[in-house]
Amino acid sequence: MNPIAKLLILMGVVLIVIGLIWQFGGRFLPLGRLPGDIAVEKENVRFYFPIVTCIIISILLSLGSYLFRLFK
């Protein structure tokens, strides 16, 4: 099988697993509503920037990338 096809299949499986964890694990780790996320609500304007959630996702992706390169 073509290596690009294998990579795309693997990426699809990983995305499905992440989506399932996010859907069912969202009750325990409320990503997007963590303390430190910026939320400003005024009369007609609502601004929301999940900075802490972005940092946590970045750390997890960096750790996954490191582990992938370590065991490759």
N, C-alpha and C. Protein backbone atom coordinates (compact mmCIF):
# COMPACT_ATOMS: atom_id res chain seq x y z
N MET A 1 0.86 -1.18 0.00
CA MET A 1 0.00 0.00 0.00
C MET A 1 0.90 1.24 0.00
N ASN A 2 0.42 2.26 -0.62
CA ASN A 2 1.13 3.52 -0.72
C ASN A 2 1.36 4.11 0.68
N PRO A 3 2.56 4.63 0.99
CA PRO A 3 2.80 5.18 2.33
C PRO A 3 1.93 6.40 2.65
N ILE A 4 1.58 7.17 1.65
CA ILE A 4 0.71 8.34 1.90
C ILE A 4 -0.69 7.87 2.27
N ALA A 5 -1.16 6.80 1.64
CA ALA A 5 -2.48 6.26 1.98
C ALA A 5 -2.48 5.74 3.42
N LYS A 6 -1.41 5.07 3.82
CA LYS A 6 -1.31 4.59 5.19
C LYS A 6 -1.32 5.75 6.18
N LEU A 7 -0.60 6.82 5.85
CA LEU A 7 -0.55 7.99 6.72
C LEU A 7 -1.92 8.64 6.85
N LEU A 8 -2.64 8.77 5.74
CA LEU A 8 -3.97 9.37 5.77
C LEU A 8 -4.95 8.51 6.57
N ILE A 9 -4.87 7.20 6.43
CA ILE A 9 -5.73 6.31 7.22
C ILE A 9 -5.41 6.43 8.69
N LEU A 10 -4.13 6.44 9.04
CA LEU A 10 -3.72 6.57 10.43
C LEU A 10 -4.19 7.91 11.01
N MET A 11 -4.04 8.99 10.25
CA MET A 11 -4.49 10.30 10.72
C MET A 11 -6.01 10.32 10.93
N GLY A 12 -6.75 9.65 10.06
CA GLY A 12 -8.20 9.58 10.20
C GLY A 12 -8.60 8.82 11.46
N VAL A 13 -7.92 7.71 11.73
CA VAL A 13 -8.21 6.94 12.94
C VAL A 13 -7.89 7.75 14.18
N VAL A 14 -6.76 8.46 14.16
CA VAL A 14 -6.38 9.29 15.30
C VAL A 14 -7.42 10.39 15.53
N LEU A 15 -7.89 11.03 14.47
CA LEU A 15 -8.90 12.07 14.61
C LEU A 15 -10.21 11.52 15.16
N ILE A 16 -10.59 10.32 14.73
CA ILE A 16 -11.82 9.71 15.25
C ILE A 16 -11.67 9.42 16.74
N VAL A 17 -10.52 8.89 17.14
CA VAL A 17 -10.29 8.60 18.57
C VAL A 17 -10.30 9.88 19.38
N ILE A 18 -9.65 10.92 18.89
CA ILE A 18 -9.64 12.21 19.60
C ILE A 18 -11.06 12.76 19.71
N GLY A 19 -11.84 12.66 18.65
CA GLY A 19 -13.21 13.13 18.68
C GLY A 19 -14.07 12.38 19.69
N LEU A 20 -13.88 11.07 19.77
CA LEU A 20 -14.64 10.27 20.75
C LEU A 20 -14.23 10.62 22.17
N ILE A 21 -12.94 10.78 22.40
CA ILE A 21 -12.47 11.17 23.73
C ILE A 21 -13.02 12.54 24.09
N TRP A 22 -13.00 13.46 23.15
CA TRP A 22 -13.50 14.82 23.40
C TRP A 22 -15.00 14.79 23.70
N GLN A 23 -15.74 13.95 22.96
CA GLN A 23 -17.18 13.89 23.13
C GLN A 23 -17.57 13.27 24.48
N PHE A 24 -16.98 12.14 24.81
CA PHE A 24 -17.38 11.43 26.02
C PHE A 24 -16.56 11.82 27.24
N GLY A 25 -15.35 12.31 27.03
CA GLY A 25 -14.51 12.74 28.15
C GLY A 25 -14.69 14.20 28.49
N GLY A 26 -15.51 14.91 27.73
CA GLY A 26 -15.73 16.33 27.96
C GLY A 26 -16.40 16.64 29.29
N ARG A 27 -17.03 15.65 29.87
CA ARG A 27 -17.66 15.86 31.17
C ARG A 27 -16.62 16.00 32.27
N PHE A 28 -15.49 15.34 32.08
CA PHE A 28 -14.46 15.31 33.11
C PHE A 28 -13.39 16.39 32.91
N LEU A 29 -13.08 16.72 31.66
CA LEU A 29 -12.12 17.77 31.34
C LEU A 29 -12.80 18.75 30.39
N PRO A 30 -13.34 19.83 30.92
CA PRO A 30 -14.13 20.75 30.09
C PRO A 30 -13.25 21.64 29.22
N LEU A 31 -12.66 21.06 28.17
CA LEU A 31 -11.83 21.86 27.28
C LEU A 31 -12.67 22.97 26.66
N GLY A 32 -12.14 24.17 26.69
CA GLY A 32 -12.87 25.33 26.19
C GLY A 32 -13.52 26.13 27.29
N ARG A 33 -13.58 25.57 28.48
CA ARG A 33 -14.18 26.28 29.60
C ARG A 33 -13.29 26.17 30.84
N LEU A 34 -11.99 26.18 30.61
CA LEU A 34 -11.03 26.05 31.72
C LEU A 34 -10.80 27.40 32.39
N PRO A 35 -10.38 27.38 33.66
CA PRO A 35 -10.00 28.64 34.29
C PRO A 35 -8.81 29.26 33.55
N GLY A 36 -8.89 30.52 33.28
CA GLY A 36 -7.83 31.20 32.53
C GLY A 36 -8.23 31.50 31.10
N ASP A 37 -9.28 30.85 30.61
CA ASP A 37 -9.78 31.19 29.28
C ASP A 37 -10.45 32.56 29.36
N ILE A 38 -10.21 33.37 28.35
CA ILE A 38 -10.68 34.75 28.36
C ILE A 38 -12.09 34.81 27.77
N ALA A 39 -13.02 35.37 28.53
CA ALA A 39 -14.39 35.55 28.06
C ALA A 39 -14.88 36.93 28.48
N VAL A 40 -15.24 37.74 27.48
CA VAL A 40 -15.74 39.09 27.74
C VAL A 40 -17.12 39.19 27.10
N GLU A 41 -18.11 39.54 27.89
CA GLU A 41 -19.46 39.69 27.37
C GLU A 41 -19.98 41.08 27.71
N LYS A 42 -20.36 41.83 26.68
CA LYS A 42 -20.97 43.15 26.85
C LYS A 42 -22.37 43.09 26.26
N GLU A 43 -22.99 44.23 26.07
CA GLU A 43 -24.37 44.24 25.59
C GLU A 43 -24.53 43.50 24.26
N ASN A 44 -23.79 43.93 23.24
CA ASN A 44 -23.95 43.36 21.91
C ASN A 44 -22.73 42.60 21.43
N VAL A 45 -21.75 42.44 22.27
CA VAL A 45 -20.50 41.83 21.84
C VAL A 45 -20.14 40.70 22.79
N ARG A 46 -19.73 39.60 22.21
CA ARG A 46 -19.23 38.47 23.01
C ARG A 46 -17.88 38.06 22.42
N PHE A 47 -16.83 38.12 23.24
CA PHE A 47 -15.48 37.74 22.81
C PHE A 47 -15.01 36.60 23.69
N TYR A 48 -14.50 35.55 23.05
CA TYR A 48 -14.05 34.39 23.79
C TYR A 48 -12.76 33.89 23.17
N PHE A 49 -11.72 33.74 23.99
CA PHE A 49 -10.45 33.19 23.52
C PHE A 49 -9.96 32.17 24.53
N PRO A 50 -9.99 30.88 24.17
CA PRO A 50 -9.61 29.82 25.12
C PRO A 50 -8.09 29.63 25.17
N ILE A 51 -7.38 30.57 25.78
CA ILE A 51 -5.92 30.54 25.79
C ILE A 51 -5.36 29.34 26.55
N VAL A 52 -5.94 29.00 27.71
CA VAL A 52 -5.44 27.87 28.49
C VAL A 52 -5.71 26.56 27.75
N THR A 53 -6.85 26.46 27.12
CA THR A 53 -7.15 25.27 26.33
C THR A 53 -6.16 25.13 25.18
N CYS A 54 -5.82 26.22 24.53
CA CYS A 54 -4.84 26.19 23.44
C CYS A 54 -3.47 25.74 23.95
N ILE A 55 -3.08 26.21 25.12
CA ILE A 55 -1.79 25.83 25.69
C ILE A 55 -1.77 24.34 26.01
N ILE A 56 -2.86 23.82 26.60
CA ILE A 56 -2.91 22.40 26.94
C ILE A 56 -2.88 21.53 25.69
N ILE A 57 -3.62 21.91 24.66
CA ILE A 57 -3.61 21.15 23.41
C ILE A 57 -2.23 21.20 22.77
N SER A 58 -1.56 22.34 22.82
CA SER A 58 -0.22 22.47 22.28
C SER A 58 0.76 21.57 23.01
N ILE A 59 0.66 21.53 24.34
CA ILE A 59 1.55 20.66 25.12
C ILE A 59 1.30 19.20 24.78
N LEU A 60 0.04 18.79 24.67
CA LEU A 60 -0.27 17.40 24.34
C LEU A 60 0.22 17.02 22.94
N LEU A 61 0.05 17.92 21.98
CA LEU A 61 0.54 17.64 20.63
C LEU A 61 2.06 17.58 20.58
N SER A 62 2.73 18.46 21.32
CA SER A 62 4.19 18.43 21.38
C SER A 62 4.69 17.15 22.02
N LEU A 63 4.03 16.73 23.09
CA LEU A 63 4.41 15.49 23.75
C LEU A 63 4.18 14.29 22.84
N GLY A 64 3.07 14.27 22.13
CA GLY A 64 2.81 13.20 21.17
C GLY A 64 3.84 13.16 20.06
N SER A 65 4.21 14.32 19.55
CA SER A 65 5.22 14.41 18.51
C SER A 65 6.58 13.92 19.03
N TYR A 66 6.92 14.30 20.24
CA TYR A 66 8.18 13.85 20.84
C TYR A 66 8.20 12.34 21.00
N LEU A 67 7.11 11.77 21.50
CA LEU A 67 7.04 10.33 21.70
C LEU A 67 7.07 9.58 20.36
N PHE A 68 6.43 10.15 19.35
CA PHE A 68 6.45 9.55 18.02
C PHE A 68 7.88 9.50 17.49
N ARG A 69 8.61 10.61 17.63
CA ARG A 69 10.00 10.63 17.15
C ARG A 69 10.89 9.74 18.00
N LEU A 70 10.59 9.59 19.27
CA LEU A 70 11.41 8.77 20.16
C LEU A 70 11.31 7.29 19.82
N PHE A 71 10.11 6.81 19.48
CA PHE A 71 9.90 5.40 19.21
C PHE A 71 9.91 5.06 17.72
N LYS A 72 10.26 5.98 16.87
CA LYS A 72 10.27 5.74 15.44
C LYS A 72 11.48 4.96 15.01
